Amino acid sequence: MQAIFAKLLYEMEKYRDTVLVTIVSDQGSTPRGAGSQMLVSARGHIVGTIGGGAVEKKSEELALELLSEKRSELHEFYLHSNAKEDIGMICGGDVTVLLQYIPGNDAVWNALAGKLLELIAKRKRGWLIQRLDGGVPALLDEEGNILAGVWNEDASPFQKDGNVLAKEHFSMPIPIGERAILFGGGHCAQALTPLLNSVGFRVTVMDCRPEFADPKRFPDAEQVICGDYLRIKDYITLTDQDYVVIMTNGHRHDFEVQEQVLRGPYAYVGVIGSRSKAALVNQRLQEAGVPPESIQKVHCPIGLPIKAATPEEIAVSIAGEMICERALRREKSGSTAHGCPMH
């Protein structure tokens, strides 16, 4: 969303009309789910994706028509054999897209795009609301206050995670990203930080060694902390939305961090190390009184089994597992459907 609205502002500075294409509904097997967006100008598709393939191509063609006609449209694509419109895809689902025409001189959209980018930069939650008829949009903050546009309806339905499709509008949360906390600032953390940042995680790195807890080593991290592993609460307040990766400079520190983390809320905990190390540490955790159900949730060895060896490969393995766990949590909460086109 950040790249799309930054590009939208750029296009509007040049007074170029655009069409914002948003998937507002998906059923069955589809390349991308609701909330996926792309931006189209007179030059064609310029940023974002709604899944590639025929849906994206047809949406781009339709967007170009709408640009010339200066109007918006709600369009449904059938990804299976049907008599109404066959676009050559047999995924088996249906996709409804909103093609929102945005004039290059539209003051409301210009202000909204600027405010939305401010929210993302400050990691503040909010809601983008688009009218299905292409009318005036709105941007709300987390409390439902209007930041830009027009909104006269009850904001309470939007105070939850996930997209909301109503009779006359589609709303989607402003993505601020889940927080990933890396304990340990070694080579693996250096490789993992930019990778996690690129897939939507906000990364915090903590190390007890000043030379490793150096912000210059982690330009993609939101926060870098130098602190005592025995006093995590003095530096970080963990929540049930946090993804924790433990890979300090020694088994003792790993245990110290793990014991504290498992006594509080978290979304995911992964610890680097072998199965034999996991068995030893688990025994110590039990002796320390950590609940068995918490110990069983730990991912150790961390990462997907792709035979990773280098720090860069290990980072890919860990990031892949975290992406999967994040998707499973989102599905469980009902905030989004599984959108992977490969499974």
Protein backbone atom coordinates (compact mmCIF):
# COMPACT_ATOMS: atom_id res chain seq x y z
CA MET A 1 0.00 0.00 0.00
CA GLN A 2 2.84 2.39 0.78
CA ALA A 3 4.39 2.07 -2.67
CA ILE A 4 1.00 2.42 -4.37
CA PHE A 5 0.01 5.62 -2.57
CA ALA A 6 3.46 7.13 -2.87
CA LYS A 7 3.19 6.56 -6.62
CA LEU A 8 -0.34 7.96 -6.62
CA LEU A 9 0.92 11.19 -5.04
CA TYR A 10 3.69 11.39 -7.62
CA GLU A 11 1.22 10.95 -10.47
CA MET A 12 -1.07 13.60 -8.98
CA GLU A 13 1.83 16.05 -8.71
CA LYS A 14 2.09 15.67 -12.48
CA TYR A 15 -1.72 16.06 -12.79
CA ARG A 16 -2.02 12.59 -14.31
CA ASP A 17 -5.27 10.67 -13.93
CA THR A 18 -5.05 7.14 -12.54
CA VAL A 19 -7.23 4.16 -11.67
CA LEU A 20 -6.76 2.41 -8.34
CA VAL A 21 -7.67 -1.26 -8.76
CA THR A 22 -8.64 -3.05 -5.53
CA ILE A 23 -9.87 -6.60 -5.00
CA VAL A 24 -12.89 -6.16 -2.73
CA SER A 25 -14.12 -9.74 -2.73
CA ASP A 26 -12.71 -13.19 -3.48
CA GLN A 27 -14.31 -16.60 -3.31
CA GLY A 28 -12.72 -19.98 -3.83
CA SER A 29 -9.23 -20.34 -5.29
CA THR A 30 -7.86 -17.01 -6.56
CA PRO A 31 -4.38 -15.61 -7.27
CA ARG A 32 -4.71 -12.80 -4.67
CA GLY A 33 -7.19 -11.99 -1.95
CA ALA A 34 -9.30 -8.98 -0.95
CA GLY A 35 -7.25 -5.87 -0.27
CA SER A 36 -4.71 -6.50 -3.04
CA GLN A 37 -4.18 -3.36 -5.12
CA MET A 38 -2.46 -1.98 -8.18
CA LEU A 39 -2.33 1.44 -9.81
CA VAL A 40 -2.87 2.07 -13.52
CA SER A 41 -2.14 5.23 -15.49
CA ALA A 42 -2.45 6.06 -19.17
CA ARG A 43 0.92 4.32 -19.52
CA GLY A 44 -0.60 1.12 -18.17
CA HIS A 45 0.11 -0.77 -14.96
CA ILE A 46 2.70 1.15 -12.93
CA VAL A 47 2.82 -0.34 -9.41
CA GLY A 48 1.26 -3.08 -7.27
CA THR A 49 -0.33 -6.38 -8.22
CA ILE A 50 -3.66 -8.14 -7.91
CA GLY A 51 -2.21 -11.51 -8.79
CA GLY A 52 -0.86 -11.29 -12.29
CA GLY A 53 -2.28 -13.43 -15.08
CA ALA A 54 -5.54 -12.78 -16.87
CA VAL A 55 -7.29 -10.99 -13.98
CA GLU A 56 -4.55 -8.39 -13.77
CA LYS A 57 -4.30 -8.03 -17.54
CA LYS A 58 -8.04 -7.65 -18.01
CA SER A 59 -8.23 -5.20 -15.12
CA GLU A 60 -5.47 -3.13 -16.68
CA GLU A 61 -7.31 -3.06 -20.01
CA LEU A 62 -10.56 -2.09 -18.32
CA ALA A 63 -8.78 0.58 -16.27
CA LEU A 64 -7.45 2.15 -19.47
CA GLU A 65 -10.99 2.30 -20.83
CA LEU A 66 -12.23 3.90 -17.63
CA LEU A 67 -9.43 6.48 -17.76
CA SER A 68 -10.62 7.60 -21.16
CA GLU A 69 -14.23 7.66 -19.92
CA LYS A 70 -13.27 9.29 -16.58
CA ARG A 71 -15.37 6.93 -14.47
CA SER A 72 -15.18 4.11 -11.91
CA GLU A 73 -16.59 0.60 -12.10
CA LEU A 74 -17.16 -2.52 -10.00
CA HIS A 75 -16.34 -5.64 -12.02
CA GLU A 76 -16.52 -9.36 -11.29
CA PHE A 77 -14.21 -11.91 -12.85
CA TYR A 78 -15.17 -15.59 -12.99
CA LEU A 79 -12.16 -17.89 -12.76
CA HIS A 80 -13.99 -20.92 -14.05
CA SER A 81 -15.92 -21.89 -17.16
CA ASN A 82 -19.06 -19.76 -17.45
CA ALA A 83 -21.34 -18.27 -20.05
CA LYS A 84 -20.96 -14.64 -18.96
CA GLU A 85 -17.22 -13.98 -19.28
CA ASP A 86 -14.43 -16.48 -19.85
CA ILE A 87 -10.99 -14.94 -19.28
CA GLY A 88 -9.13 -18.21 -19.66
CA MET A 89 -8.39 -18.91 -15.98
CA ILE A 90 -9.55 -22.08 -14.25
CA CYS A 91 -8.55 -21.39 -10.62
CA GLY A 92 -12.13 -22.15 -9.63
CA GLY A 93 -12.98 -18.95 -7.76
CA ASP A 94 -14.46 -15.51 -8.33
CA VAL A 95 -12.88 -12.09 -7.90
CA THR A 96 -14.62 -8.72 -7.65
CA VAL A 97 -12.51 -5.63 -8.26
CA LEU A 98 -13.23 -1.97 -7.70
CA LEU A 99 -11.66 0.21 -10.39
CA GLN A 100 -11.58 3.68 -8.82
CA TYR A 101 -10.98 6.54 -11.24
CA ILE A 102 -8.86 9.27 -9.61
CA PRO A 103 -8.49 12.61 -11.43
CA GLY A 104 -5.00 14.05 -11.26
CA ASN A 105 -6.34 17.26 -9.69
CA ASP A 106 -8.60 15.61 -7.09
CA ALA A 107 -7.89 17.44 -3.80
CA VAL A 108 -9.61 14.81 -1.63
CA TRP A 109 -7.57 11.90 -2.96
CA ASN A 110 -4.41 14.01 -2.79
CA ALA A 111 -4.97 14.82 0.87
CA LEU A 112 -6.00 11.25 1.66
CA ALA A 113 -2.90 9.77 0.05
CA GLY A 114 -0.66 12.12 2.03
CA LYS A 115 -2.37 11.33 5.35
CA LEU A 116 -2.31 7.61 4.63
CA LEU A 117 1.44 7.69 4.02
CA GLU A 118 1.86 9.59 7.30
CA LEU A 119 0.01 6.83 9.16
CA ILE A 120 2.22 4.16 7.63
CA ALA A 121 5.40 6.12 8.40
CA LYS A 122 4.33 6.52 12.05
CA ARG A 123 3.14 2.88 12.26
CA LYS A 124 -0.34 4.06 13.25
CA ARG A 125 -3.46 2.07 12.48
CA GLY A 126 -6.30 3.40 10.41
CA TRP A 127 -8.88 2.54 7.75
CA LEU A 128 -9.15 3.30 4.04
CA ILE A 129 -12.78 3.33 2.93
CA GLN A 130 -13.72 3.30 -0.74
CA ARG A 131 -17.22 3.76 -2.10
CA LEU A 132 -18.25 0.97 -4.44
CA ASP A 133 -19.88 3.53 -6.70
CA GLY A 134 -16.61 5.43 -7.02
CA GLY A 135 -17.75 8.23 -4.72
CA VAL A 136 -15.73 10.27 -2.24
CA PRO A 137 -13.46 8.02 -0.13
CA ALA A 138 -12.49 8.39 3.52
CA LEU A 139 -9.53 7.75 5.76
CA LEU A 140 -10.22 7.05 9.43
CA ASP A 141 -7.82 6.71 12.32
CA GLU A 142 -7.99 3.77 14.72
CA GLU A 143 -10.70 5.45 16.80
CA GLY A 144 -12.88 6.14 13.77
CA ASN A 145 -12.07 9.84 13.48
CA ILE A 146 -12.01 11.25 9.95
CA LEU A 147 -8.54 12.19 8.74
CA ALA A 148 -9.47 12.83 5.11
CA GLY A 149 -12.48 12.51 2.81
CA VAL A 150 -16.10 12.10 3.82
CA TRP A 151 -17.65 9.57 6.20
CA ASN A 152 -21.00 9.95 7.93
CA GLU A 153 -21.63 6.39 9.05
CA ASP A 154 -20.92 4.39 12.18
CA ALA A 155 -17.23 3.47 12.33
CA SER A 156 -17.66 0.61 14.81
CA PRO A 157 -17.78 -2.19 12.18
CA PHE A 158 -14.20 -1.30 11.25
CA GLN A 159 -12.70 -1.65 14.70
CA LYS A 160 -11.36 -5.12 14.01
CA ASP A 161 -8.68 -6.76 11.92
CA GLY A 162 -9.25 -7.47 8.28
CA ASN A 163 -11.17 -6.11 5.32
CA VAL A 164 -14.87 -5.31 5.45
CA LEU A 165 -17.13 -5.42 2.39
CA ALA A 166 -20.48 -3.74 2.96
CA LYS A 167 -23.38 -2.88 0.66
CA GLU A 168 -22.00 0.48 -0.43
CA HIS A 169 -18.34 0.51 0.54
CA PHE A 170 -15.16 -1.50 1.05
CA SER A 171 -12.82 -0.78 3.94
CA MET A 172 -9.33 -2.09 4.57
CA PRO A 173 -6.90 -1.54 7.45
CA ILE A 174 -3.74 0.48 6.94
CA PRO A 175 -0.90 -2.07 7.13
CA ILE A 176 1.66 -1.27 9.82
CA GLY A 177 3.18 -4.77 9.90
CA GLU A 178 3.66 -7.24 12.71
CA ARG A 179 6.66 -6.68 14.97
CA ALA A 180 9.55 -9.13 14.79
CA ILE A 181 11.97 -9.01 17.72
CA LEU A 182 15.39 -10.50 17.08
CA PHE A 183 17.44 -11.30 20.17
CA GLY A 184 21.00 -11.39 18.94
CA GLY A 185 22.67 -9.08 16.43
CA GLY A 186 24.97 -11.50 14.64
CA HIS A 187 25.33 -12.43 10.99
CA CYS A 188 21.98 -14.26 10.80
CA ALA A 189 20.17 -11.25 12.26
CA GLN A 190 21.88 -8.98 9.74
CA ALA A 191 20.67 -11.18 6.89
CA LEU A 192 17.20 -11.66 8.36
CA THR A 193 16.36 -8.02 9.15
CA PRO A 194 16.08 -6.65 5.58
CA LEU A 195 14.31 -9.81 4.46
CA LEU A 196 11.64 -9.53 7.17
CA ASN A 197 11.29 -5.82 6.49
CA SER A 198 10.66 -6.53 2.80
CA VAL A 199 7.71 -8.82 3.64
CA GLY A 200 5.98 -6.49 6.07
CA PHE A 201 7.50 -7.14 9.49
CA ARG A 202 8.69 -4.26 11.68
CA VAL A 203 12.03 -5.40 13.06
CA THR A 204 13.52 -4.71 16.48
CA VAL A 205 17.00 -6.04 17.23
CA MET A 206 18.37 -6.47 20.76
CA ASP A 207 21.88 -7.51 21.78
CA CYS A 208 23.84 -7.20 25.01
CA ARG A 209 27.01 -6.22 23.14
CA PRO A 210 27.30 -2.53 22.14
CA GLU A 211 29.33 -3.31 19.02
CA PHE A 212 26.56 -5.63 17.79
CA ALA A 213 23.65 -3.42 18.89
CA ASP A 214 24.73 -0.73 16.46
CA PRO A 215 21.99 0.88 14.33
CA LYS A 216 24.49 1.20 11.48
CA ARG A 217 24.54 -2.62 11.26
CA PHE A 218 20.75 -2.69 10.89
CA PRO A 219 19.58 0.17 8.65
CA ASP A 220 16.31 -1.69 7.94
CA ALA A 221 15.42 -2.16 11.63
CA GLU A 222 12.79 0.00 13.28
CA GLN A 223 14.67 -0.14 16.57
CA VAL A 224 18.06 -1.40 17.80
CA ILE A 225 18.52 -1.94 21.53
CA CYS A 226 21.61 -2.62 23.61
CA GLY A 227 20.55 -4.15 26.92
CA ASP A 228 20.83 -6.89 29.49
CA TYR A 229 19.20 -10.14 28.38
CA LEU A 230 18.22 -10.80 32.01
CA ARG A 231 15.97 -7.70 32.07
CA ILE A 232 14.02 -7.78 28.80
CA LYS A 233 11.01 -5.98 30.31
CA ASP A 234 13.16 -2.95 31.00
CA TYR A 235 13.55 -2.45 27.25
CA ILE A 236 10.67 -4.19 25.46
CA THR A 237 7.01 -4.84 26.28
CA LEU A 238 6.01 -8.02 24.47
CA THR A 239 2.46 -8.48 23.18
CA ASP A 240 0.47 -11.37 21.76
CA GLN A 241 1.14 -9.94 18.27
CA ASP A 242 4.94 -10.15 18.46
CA TYR A 243 7.14 -12.61 16.56
CA VAL A 244 10.25 -13.48 18.57
CA VAL A 245 13.46 -14.91 17.10
CA ILE A 246 16.14 -15.98 19.59
CA MET A 247 19.68 -16.35 18.26
CA THR A 248 22.04 -14.78 20.78
CA ASN A 249 25.77 -15.38 21.15
CA GLY A 250 25.43 -18.39 23.44
CA HIS A 251 23.18 -21.11 24.84
CA ARG A 252 23.05 -19.38 28.23
CA HIS A 253 21.71 -16.17 26.76
CA ASP A 254 19.25 -18.10 24.57
CA PHE A 255 17.88 -19.77 27.70
CA GLU A 256 17.68 -16.49 29.63
CA VAL A 257 15.68 -14.84 26.86
CA GLN A 258 13.49 -17.86 26.15
CA GLU A 259 12.50 -18.28 29.80
CA GLN A 260 11.29 -14.68 30.02
CA VAL A 261 9.52 -14.67 26.66
CA LEU A 262 7.60 -17.89 27.32
CA ARG A 263 6.16 -16.50 30.54
CA GLY A 264 4.36 -13.73 28.67
CA PRO A 265 2.29 -13.15 25.51
CA TYR A 266 3.67 -13.70 22.02
CA ALA A 267 2.53 -14.76 18.55
CA TYR A 268 5.55 -16.83 17.58
CA VAL A 269 8.83 -17.93 19.17
CA GLY A 270 11.67 -19.49 17.21
CA VAL A 271 15.06 -20.47 18.59
CA ILE A 272 18.12 -21.23 16.51
CA GLY A 273 19.85 -24.49 17.37
CA SER A 274 19.79 -28.26 17.04
CA ARG A 275 17.22 -30.75 18.29
CA SER A 276 19.62 -31.91 20.98
CA LYS A 277 19.96 -28.32 22.19
CA ALA A 278 16.17 -27.97 22.17
CA ALA A 279 15.76 -31.08 24.32
CA LEU A 280 18.30 -29.83 26.85
CA VAL A 281 16.82 -26.34 27.02
CA ASN A 282 13.27 -27.68 27.27
CA GLN A 283 14.28 -29.72 30.31
CA ARG A 284 15.74 -26.63 31.96
CA LEU A 285 12.63 -24.61 31.12
CA GLN A 286 10.41 -27.24 32.74
CA GLU A 287 12.60 -27.20 35.84
CA ALA A 288 12.28 -23.42 35.91
CA GLY A 289 8.49 -23.74 35.95
CA VAL A 290 7.69 -22.62 32.41
CA PRO A 291 4.29 -24.10 31.37
CA PRO A 292 4.71 -27.19 29.13
CA GLU A 293 2.16 -25.86 26.64
CA SER A 294 4.34 -22.79 26.10
CA ILE A 295 7.46 -24.89 25.61
CA GLN A 296 5.70 -27.03 23.00
CA LYS A 297 4.89 -23.98 20.88
CA VAL A 298 8.55 -23.06 20.38
CA HIS A 299 9.96 -23.56 16.88
CA CYS A 300 13.35 -25.14 17.46
CA PRO A 301 15.19 -25.78 15.24
CA ILE A 302 13.85 -22.56 13.79
CA GLY A 303 12.95 -22.21 10.13
CA LEU A 304 11.73 -24.38 7.29
CA PRO A 305 13.78 -27.53 6.49
CA ILE A 306 15.49 -26.31 3.32
CA LYS A 307 19.01 -27.47 4.30
CA ALA A 308 20.11 -23.88 4.87
CA ALA A 309 23.78 -23.37 5.68
CA THR A 310 24.84 -19.74 5.17
CA PRO A 311 23.40 -16.81 7.17
CA GLU A 312 21.52 -15.71 4.06
CA GLU A 313 20.01 -19.16 3.53
CA ILE A 314 19.13 -19.44 7.22
CA ALA A 315 17.40 -16.06 6.97
CA VAL A 316 15.29 -17.32 4.06
CA SER A 317 14.38 -20.42 6.07
CA ILE A 318 13.33 -18.38 9.12
CA ALA A 319 11.45 -15.76 7.10
CA GLY A 320 9.55 -18.49 5.24
CA GLU A 321 8.41 -20.07 8.50
CA MET A 322 7.36 -16.71 9.94
CA ILE A 323 5.39 -15.84 6.80
CA CYS A 324 3.58 -19.17 7.06
CA GLU A 325 2.82 -18.74 10.77
CA ARG A 326 1.59 -15.20 10.17
CA ALA A 327 -0.74 -16.41 7.41
CA LEU A 328 -2.09 -19.18 9.65
CA ARG A 329 -2.78 -16.70 12.44
CA ARG A 330 -4.57 -14.35 10.07
CA GLU A 331 -6.71 -17.19 8.74
CA LYS A 332 -7.54 -18.35 12.26
CA SER A 333 -8.65 -14.84 13.20
CA GLY A 334 -10.85 -14.73 10.11
CA SER A 335 -9.16 -11.55 8.89
CA THR A 336 -8.05 -12.99 5.57
CA ALA A 337 -8.27 -16.07 3.43
CA HIS A 338 -5.36 -18.15 2.19
CA GLY A 339 -4.28 -16.48 -1.04
CA CYS A 340 -1.25 -18.47 -2.15
CA PRO A 341 -1.68 -19.32 -5.85
CA MET A 342 0.61 -22.36 -5.49
CA HIS A 343 -1.44 -24.30 -2.92
